C-alpha cells in the first residue's frame, strides 16, 4: 500500500514548477510526482495510508540548511547591542567575546544541557520547514570538547526527525594566548584524530586575524587524509583567498563570499565547489550583501541560515527573504538555493528536490504560491512537514 499521497497543490516545486501537482510516497521515497490527475490515477488517495488535500496550497522540498553553528551554550545578546554602538566583530573577539565567549560556555555546559538546547533548536527549525541541517563543532577548540560536540550531534541525529550533518571545525578561532601555528598543529595532531570518525566535513575559518590560507590548507589537507570533505569559510570580512583554496582542494562548498570576485566564481565553478550565501550574517553585521550573480551564472548556488549565537536566525524563510531583498534573487531561485542548492553543498543529491527516487522530505504550506515564503518575512506558513515519507509535524 502506498504510504502517502499529497494532491491538488496549487504550486508544487519539482524539477518543474507546476500547478495542480501531486506527490506519491512509498517506503520513504518519492514514487511519483506530476499532475494530480496522473498521480492520483496511479496512486488513488483512498488507497494510501494517509492523504493530504493540498488544494490552494504550496508544496516545496524540505529546506536544507547547509551552514549552521546551532550547537552552543550561553547568551550573547549584549554583543548585538555592542555592534549597534559601533563595535566591530573583530573588536568584540579581541576582548574575549564572540566565538571565544561561546567556547567558554560550551566547555562549562554538561552534555545533557547541550543536547537539550540543540533538540529545542531542532524543534524550531523543523517547525519552519527545515528537514536537513548541517551543524559544525568549533565551540570547543580542544580535542575533548570538539569530540563531545560531535558526539552530541550524533545523538541529536538519532533522536530527532531532522537529519543532522556533522562538520568538524576545530579551526573556528584561535584560543587566547595561543600561538596560531602551534594551534594549527594541535588541530591536526590532536583534534582531527579524536574527531574525524564523528564528522563528515572539515571546515576552516579562513580570514585575516584567524587562519591564513597556508594554515587553512594544512588543516584541510589533514582532514582529507582522515576522510573528511573540505569546506571553507571564505571571503567573509575581507578577500584573502579562501575561495581559491576551496577550488584547489575540491571542497564541497565555500561559504559567505561577501568579498568574492569573478575569478573566484570561475575557479569554484570549474572545480565543482558550491557557493553558499549567508544573507543573515550580512544583515546582522550591517554589511553589504554578497552578489550571487557571477556564481548563479555559472552553476547552482545555496542559501543557508548561519544560525549561531552571533546570527540568531533559525528560520530558512527569513534567509530566503533576505536573499530576495538584499541579494536581489527571484523567489523561485532563492527557494531552490535553500533546498536543492543546500543539498548539493552537502553532497546529497537526493535531498532538497521533489522527484522520483528522492527522499520524501517536503513541506506543505498554507499559501497559494512559493512567493509567500519571502513575502511573509520569515513567517513561513508551514502546515505539514513530511520527513522520510512520514508526517512529522
Protein backbone atom coordinates (compact mmCIF):
# COMPACT_ATOMS: atom_id res chain seq x y z
CA UNK A 1 0.00 0.00 0.00
CA UNK A 2 1.18 3.49 -0.80
CA UNK A 3 2.20 5.45 2.31
CA UNK A 4 1.19 9.00 1.42
CA UNK A 5 -0.41 10.95 -1.41
CA UNK A 6 -0.43 14.75 -1.49
CA UNK A 7 -2.57 16.12 -4.29
CA UNK A 8 -4.19 19.25 -5.68
CA UNK A 9 -1.28 21.59 -4.84
CA UNK A 10 -1.74 24.99 -6.39
CA UNK A 11 2.03 25.42 -6.55
CA UNK A 12 4.41 22.44 -6.47
CA UNK A 13 8.16 22.89 -6.90
CA UNK A 14 9.63 19.80 -8.51
CA UNK A 15 12.17 19.75 -11.29
CA UNK A 16 9.41 21.70 -12.96
CA UNK A 17 7.14 24.15 -11.18
CA UNK A 18 3.53 23.12 -11.73
CA UNK A 19 0.00 23.89 -10.60
CA UNK A 20 -2.44 21.19 -9.53
CA UNK A 21 0.51 18.96 -8.67
CA UNK A 22 0.71 15.78 -6.64
CA UNK A 23 3.31 13.59 -4.92
CA UNK A 24 3.06 9.90 -4.01
CA UNK A 25 5.36 8.34 -1.42
CA UNK A 26 6.32 4.72 -0.88
CA UNK A 27 8.89 3.34 1.57
CA UNK A 28 10.21 6.78 2.41
CA UNK A 29 10.95 7.82 -1.15
CA UNK A 30 9.01 9.67 -3.80
CA UNK A 31 7.30 7.17 -6.09
CA UNK A 32 5.64 9.69 -8.41
CA UNK A 33 5.33 13.42 -8.97
CA UNK A 34 3.30 15.20 -11.60
CA UNK A 35 -0.20 16.44 -12.41
CA UNK A 36 -2.76 15.41 -9.82
CA UNK A 37 -4.86 13.60 -12.41
CA UNK A 38 -1.94 11.36 -13.39
CA UNK A 39 -0.59 10.69 -9.90
CA UNK A 40 -3.95 10.01 -8.27
CA UNK A 41 -4.94 7.69 -11.09
CA UNK A 42 -1.86 5.57 -10.46
CA UNK A 43 -1.92 6.05 -6.67
CA UNK A 44 -5.52 6.65 -5.53
CA UNK A 45 -5.57 8.70 -2.31
CA UNK A 46 -8.24 6.42 -0.83
CA UNK A 47 -5.75 3.54 -1.00
CA UNK A 48 -2.99 5.42 0.79
CA UNK A 49 -2.20 5.15 4.50
CA UNK A 50 -2.52 8.93 4.57
CA UNK A 51 -3.67 11.51 2.04
CA UNK A 52 -3.38 15.31 2.14
CA UNK A 53 -5.61 17.54 0.03
CA UNK A 54 -3.29 20.45 -0.78
CA UNK A 55 -5.84 22.42 -2.78
CA UNK A 56 -4.91 26.10 -2.79
CA UNK A 57 -1.60 25.32 -1.06
CA UNK A 58 2.09 25.08 -1.89
CA UNK A 59 4.35 22.01 -1.74
CA UNK A 60 8.11 22.55 -1.57
CA UNK A 61 11.11 20.33 -0.86
CA UNK A 62 12.15 20.46 2.78
CA UNK A 63 14.69 23.21 3.38
CA UNK A 64 18.30 22.03 3.53
CA UNK A 65 20.23 24.39 5.81
CA UNK A 66 23.82 23.74 4.74
CA UNK A 67 25.70 26.04 7.12
CA UNK A 68 24.98 26.46 10.84
CA UNK A 69 26.66 26.54 14.25
CA UNK A 70 23.45 25.55 16.04
CA UNK A 71 25.10 23.61 18.90
CA UNK A 72 26.10 26.17 21.51
CA UNK A 73 25.53 27.41 25.05
CA UNK A 74 25.33 30.82 26.68
CA UNK A 75 23.84 34.16 25.67
CA UNK A 76 25.48 36.83 23.52
CA UNK A 77 22.56 39.22 23.11
CA UNK A 78 24.62 42.02 24.68
CA UNK A 79 27.04 41.76 21.77
CA UNK A 80 24.18 42.62 19.42
CA UNK A 81 23.79 45.88 21.33
CA UNK A 82 27.57 46.41 21.22
CA UNK A 83 27.56 46.12 17.44
CA UNK A 84 24.81 48.71 17.27
CA UNK A 85 27.09 51.04 19.25
CA UNK A 86 29.72 50.64 16.56
CA UNK A 87 31.94 47.82 17.84
CA UNK A 88 33.15 45.50 15.10
CA UNK A 89 33.19 41.71 15.11
CA UNK A 90 36.97 41.85 15.47
CA UNK A 91 36.73 44.32 18.40
CA UNK A 92 34.40 42.00 20.29
CA UNK A 93 36.57 38.96 19.56
CA UNK A 94 39.73 40.77 20.72
CA UNK A 95 38.11 41.40 24.13
CA UNK A 96 37.38 37.70 24.60
CA UNK A 97 33.84 37.88 23.28
CA UNK A 98 32.36 36.35 20.17
CA UNK A 99 33.37 32.78 19.44
CA UNK A 100 35.71 32.62 22.45
CA UNK A 101 32.88 33.54 24.80
CA UNK A 102 30.73 30.74 23.44
CA UNK A 103 33.68 28.37 23.76
CA UNK A 104 33.83 29.07 27.49
CA UNK A 105 30.08 28.48 27.83
CA UNK A 106 30.20 25.20 25.90
CA UNK A 107 33.12 23.90 27.90
CA UNK A 108 31.22 24.62 31.14
CA UNK A 109 27.91 23.09 29.99
CA UNK A 110 27.06 19.45 30.59
CA UNK A 111 26.34 17.04 27.76
CA UNK A 112 22.70 16.94 28.88
CA UNK A 113 22.41 20.73 28.72
CA UNK A 114 23.99 20.90 25.30
CA UNK A 115 21.79 18.14 23.89
CA UNK A 116 18.59 19.59 25.36
CA UNK A 117 19.35 23.02 23.90
CA UNK A 118 20.09 21.54 20.49
CA UNK A 119 16.91 19.43 20.44
CA UNK A 120 14.87 22.55 21.23
CA UNK A 121 16.51 24.37 18.33
CA UNK A 122 15.84 21.43 16.02
CA UNK A 123 12.16 21.63 17.00
CA UNK A 124 12.26 25.28 15.92
CA UNK A 125 13.87 24.65 12.55
CA UNK A 126 11.53 21.73 11.85
CA UNK A 127 8.54 24.00 12.52
CA UNK A 128 9.94 26.33 9.87
CA UNK A 129 10.23 23.57 7.27
CA UNK A 130 13.89 22.53 7.59
CA UNK A 131 14.35 18.77 7.20
CA UNK A 132 18.16 18.55 6.88
CA UNK A 133 20.68 20.72 8.71
CA UNK A 134 24.45 20.89 8.78
CA UNK A 135 25.89 21.73 12.20
CA UNK A 136 29.54 22.45 12.97
CA UNK A 137 31.59 21.89 16.06
CA UNK A 138 34.06 24.69 16.72
CA UNK A 139 32.99 25.93 20.16
CA UNK A 140 35.39 23.57 21.90
CA UNK A 141 38.83 24.40 20.47
CA UNK A 142 40.34 21.40 22.22
CA UNK A 143 40.21 17.72 21.36
CA UNK A 144 37.97 16.71 24.26
CA UNK A 145 35.28 19.36 23.75
CA UNK A 146 35.28 19.15 19.96
CA UNK A 147 34.74 15.39 20.24
CA UNK A 148 31.96 15.98 22.81
CA UNK A 149 30.19 18.35 20.44
CA UNK A 150 30.32 15.89 17.57
CA UNK A 151 29.07 13.08 19.78
CA UNK A 152 26.11 15.24 20.82
CA UNK A 153 25.38 15.96 17.15
CA UNK A 154 25.23 12.22 16.58
CA UNK A 155 22.81 11.76 19.47
CA UNK A 156 20.58 14.55 18.17
CA UNK A 157 20.55 12.96 14.72
CA UNK A 158 19.36 9.69 16.26
CA UNK A 159 16.64 11.31 18.37
CA UNK A 160 15.18 14.00 16.12
CA UNK A 161 13.37 13.81 12.76
CA UNK A 162 15.63 16.49 11.26
CA UNK A 163 18.73 14.95 9.68
CA UNK A 164 21.87 16.40 11.30
CA UNK A 165 25.01 16.53 9.14
CA UNK A 166 28.14 16.91 11.36
CA UNK A 167 31.12 19.08 10.45
CA UNK A 168 34.38 19.26 12.40
CA UNK A 169 35.54 22.86 12.80
CA UNK A 170 38.29 22.96 15.37
CA UNK A 171 39.74 25.75 13.21
CA UNK A 172 36.96 28.18 14.12
CA UNK A 173 39.10 30.57 16.17
CA UNK A 174 42.49 30.70 17.86
CA UNK A 175 42.35 30.38 21.66
CA UNK A 176 43.63 33.40 23.57
CA UNK A 177 47.33 33.47 24.38
CA UNK A 178 47.99 30.67 21.89
CA UNK A 179 50.47 30.83 19.02
CA UNK A 180 48.48 30.41 15.78
CA UNK A 181 50.89 27.92 14.20
CA UNK A 182 51.03 25.90 17.41
CA UNK A 183 47.24 25.77 17.44
CA UNK A 184 47.14 24.62 13.81
CA UNK A 185 49.46 21.78 14.80
CA UNK A 186 47.16 20.92 17.71
CA UNK A 187 44.14 20.79 15.38
CA UNK A 188 46.00 18.44 13.05
CA UNK A 189 47.77 16.24 15.58
CA UNK A 190 45.23 16.07 18.41
CA UNK A 191 41.76 17.21 17.39
CA UNK A 192 41.42 15.56 13.99
CA UNK A 193 42.37 12.07 15.23
CA UNK A 194 39.86 12.43 18.08
CA UNK A 195 37.05 13.78 15.91
CA UNK A 196 37.30 12.52 12.35
CA UNK A 197 35.22 9.39 12.82
CA UNK A 198 32.32 11.50 14.14
CA UNK A 199 32.20 14.03 11.28
CA UNK A 200 31.64 14.15 7.54
CA UNK A 201 33.20 17.50 6.67
CA UNK A 202 36.13 19.62 7.88
CA UNK A 203 35.72 23.39 7.84
CA UNK A 204 38.15 26.28 8.48
CA UNK A 205 37.58 30.00 9.12
CA UNK A 206 40.00 31.33 6.51
CA UNK A 207 40.14 35.02 7.38
CA UNK A 208 42.53 37.81 8.38
CA UNK A 209 43.33 37.50 12.07
CA UNK A 210 42.11 33.91 12.19
CA UNK A 211 43.58 31.26 9.84
CA UNK A 212 45.70 32.18 6.85
CA UNK A 213 45.39 30.44 3.51
CA UNK A 214 48.53 28.42 4.24
CA UNK A 215 47.29 27.39 7.68
CA UNK A 216 43.86 26.55 6.30
CA UNK A 217 45.43 24.43 3.57
CA UNK A 218 47.40 22.43 6.16
CA UNK A 219 44.28 21.70 8.20
CA UNK A 220 42.05 20.85 5.28
CA UNK A 221 44.63 18.54 3.71
CA UNK A 222 44.98 16.77 7.05
CA UNK A 223 41.19 16.48 7.15
CA UNK A 224 41.20 14.90 3.70
CA UNK A 225 43.73 12.34 4.93
CA UNK A 226 41.26 11.47 7.70
CA UNK A 227 38.44 11.03 5.15
CA UNK A 228 36.73 14.40 5.70
CA UNK A 229 35.48 16.50 2.79
CA UNK A 230 36.69 20.12 2.99
CA UNK A 231 34.56 23.22 3.40
CA UNK A 232 35.82 26.80 3.76
CA UNK A 233 34.55 29.95 5.44
CA UNK A 234 35.79 32.23 2.67
CA UNK A 235 35.94 35.93 1.82
CA UNK A 236 33.59 37.00 4.62
CA UNK A 237 35.30 40.03 6.15
CA UNK A 238 37.99 40.55 3.51
CA UNK A 239 39.33 38.98 0.33
CA UNK A 240 42.04 36.59 1.49
CA UNK A 241 41.98 33.67 -0.94
CA UNK A 242 39.72 31.13 0.76
CA UNK A 243 37.54 30.67 -2.33
CA UNK A 244 40.55 29.83 -4.48
CA UNK A 245 41.72 27.41 -1.77
CA UNK A 246 38.32 25.71 -1.84
CA UNK A 247 38.67 25.29 -5.61
CA UNK A 248 42.24 23.99 -5.26
CA UNK A 249 41.15 21.30 -2.79
CA UNK A 250 37.85 20.41 -4.45
CA UNK A 251 35.83 21.46 -1.41
CA UNK A 252 32.13 20.72 -1.19
CA UNK A 253 31.46 24.41 -0.67
CA UNK A 254 32.90 27.83 0.03
CA UNK A 255 30.65 29.85 2.31
CA UNK A 256 29.94 33.58 2.96
CA UNK A 257 31.70 35.06 -0.13
CA UNK A 258 30.84 38.69 0.64
CA UNK A 259 34.15 39.81 -0.91
CA UNK A 260 34.48 37.15 -3.62
CA UNK A 261 35.40 38.07 -7.20
CA UNK A 262 34.51 36.89 -10.68
CA UNK A 263 37.82 35.00 -10.74
CA UNK A 264 36.74 33.18 -7.57
CA UNK A 265 33.44 32.29 -9.22
CA UNK A 266 35.28 30.90 -12.26
CA UNK A 267 37.63 28.77 -10.17
CA UNK A 268 34.88 27.41 -7.94
CA UNK A 269 32.60 26.56 -10.86
CA UNK A 270 35.41 24.73 -12.67
CA UNK A 271 36.17 22.72 -9.51
CA UNK A 272 32.51 21.98 -8.72
CA UNK A 273 32.56 23.92 -5.44
CA UNK A 274 29.07 25.07 -4.41
CA UNK A 275 28.88 28.74 -3.31
CA UNK A 276 26.88 29.10 -0.08
CA UNK A 277 25.50 32.54 0.71
CA UNK A 278 24.50 33.53 4.24
CA UNK A 279 22.46 36.72 3.99
CA UNK A 280 21.56 36.62 7.68
CA UNK A 281 25.21 37.27 8.53
CA UNK A 282 25.35 40.38 6.36
CA UNK A 283 22.05 41.52 7.86
CA UNK A 284 23.34 41.06 11.41
CA UNK A 285 26.66 42.76 10.70
CA UNK A 286 25.08 45.61 8.80
CA UNK A 287 27.38 44.68 5.92
CA UNK A 288 26.86 44.74 2.18
CA UNK A 289 25.27 41.57 0.85
CA UNK A 290 27.11 39.12 -1.35
CA UNK A 291 26.47 39.29 -5.08
CA UNK A 292 25.19 35.89 -6.25
CA UNK A 293 25.07 36.91 -9.90
CA UNK A 294 28.54 35.79 -11.04
CA UNK A 295 28.08 32.46 -9.26
CA UNK A 296 24.48 31.78 -10.33
CA UNK A 297 25.51 32.39 -13.94
CA UNK A 298 28.00 29.53 -13.63
CA UNK A 299 26.03 26.89 -11.72
CA UNK A 300 23.90 26.13 -8.67
CA UNK A 301 24.14 28.25 -5.53
CA UNK A 302 22.98 27.68 -1.97
CA UNK A 303 21.34 29.84 0.70
CA UNK A 304 21.79 28.91 4.36
CA UNK A 305 20.92 30.47 7.71
CA UNK A 306 24.31 30.56 9.52
CA UNK A 307 22.26 30.02 12.70
CA UNK A 308 24.66 30.73 15.60
CA UNK A 309 24.88 32.95 18.71
CA UNK A 310 26.07 35.86 16.54
CA UNK A 311 23.34 35.30 13.93
CA UNK A 312 20.33 34.01 15.85
CA UNK A 313 18.29 33.25 12.74
CA UNK A 314 16.96 29.68 12.66
CA UNK A 315 14.26 30.34 10.05
CA UNK A 316 15.20 29.49 6.49
CA UNK A 317 12.20 31.50 5.37
CA UNK A 318 13.90 34.62 6.72
CA UNK A 319 17.14 33.72 4.92
CA UNK A 320 15.13 33.43 1.71
CA UNK A 321 13.55 36.84 2.31
CA UNK A 322 16.99 38.40 2.81
CA UNK A 323 18.28 36.65 -0.33
CA UNK A 324 15.44 38.25 -2.29
CA UNK A 325 15.57 41.72 -0.73
CA UNK A 326 19.29 42.05 -0.04
CA UNK A 327 20.77 39.92 -2.81
CA UNK A 328 18.04 40.59 -5.39
CA UNK A 329 17.33 36.93 -6.06
CA UNK A 330 13.98 35.95 -7.57
CA UNK A 331 11.73 33.99 -5.15
CA UNK A 332 11.94 30.70 -7.03
CA UNK A 333 15.72 30.97 -7.37
CA UNK A 334 16.07 31.69 -3.65
CA UNK A 335 13.85 28.77 -2.69
CA UNK A 336 15.78 26.42 -4.96
CA UNK A 337 19.02 27.69 -3.39
CA UNK A 338 17.63 26.91 0.07
CA UNK A 339 16.59 23.39 -0.95
CA UNK A 340 18.41 21.78 -3.87
CA UNK A 341 21.38 24.14 -3.61
CA UNK A 342 21.82 23.39 0.07
CA UNK A 343 21.66 19.67 -0.60
CA UNK A 344 24.38 19.93 -3.25
CA UNK A 345 26.57 21.82 -0.77
CA UNK A 346 26.26 18.77 1.49
CA UNK A 347 26.88 16.22 -1.28
CA UNK A 348 23.28 14.97 -1.07
CA UNK A 349 21.63 14.90 -4.46
CA UNK A 350 18.58 13.03 -3.12
CA UNK A 351 17.53 15.87 -0.81
CA UNK A 352 16.10 19.29 -1.48
CA UNK A 353 14.17 18.04 -4.51
CA UNK A 354 10.76 16.60 -5.30
CA UNK A 355 11.47 13.99 -7.95
CA UNK A 356 11.02 10.26 -8.33
CA UNK A 357 13.52 8.28 -6.29
CA UNK A 358 14.45 11.16 -3.98
CA UNK A 359 13.95 11.12 -0.24
CA UNK A 360 10.36 12.08 0.62
CA UNK A 361 11.27 15.24 2.53
CA UNK A 362 8.89 18.09 1.76
CA UNK A 363 6.62 20.69 3.28
CA UNK A 364 3.03 21.73 2.70
CA UNK A 365 2.48 25.47 3.09
CA UNK A 366 -0.85 27.13 3.71
CA UNK A 367 -0.39 29.69 0.96
CA UNK A 368 -1.09 29.80 -2.79
CA UNK A 369 2.49 30.10 -4.09
CA UNK A 370 6.14 29.89 -3.08
CA UNK A 371 6.34 33.67 -3.43
CA UNK A 372 4.75 33.81 0.02
CA UNK A 373 7.91 32.37 1.61
CA UNK A 374 9.97 35.56 1.09
CA UNK A 375 6.87 37.77 1.11
CA UNK A 376 5.95 36.85 4.68
CA UNK A 377 9.38 37.85 6.12
CA UNK A 378 10.24 34.62 7.88
CA UNK A 379 6.71 33.70 9.00
CA UNK A 380 6.61 30.67 6.72
CA UNK A 381 3.05 29.24 6.88
CA UNK A 382 4.03 25.58 7.37
CA UNK A 383 1.00 23.31 7.61
CA UNK A 384 2.77 19.94 7.46
CA UNK A 385 6.33 18.64 7.31
CA UNK A 386 6.99 15.27 5.71
CA UNK A 387 10.30 13.58 6.55
CA UNK A 388 11.17 10.22 5.04
CA UNK A 389 7.57 9.85 3.96
CA UNK A 390 6.13 10.39 7.45
CA UNK A 391 4.21 13.47 8.55
CA UNK A 392 6.39 14.59 11.47
CA UNK A 393 4.72 17.92 12.12
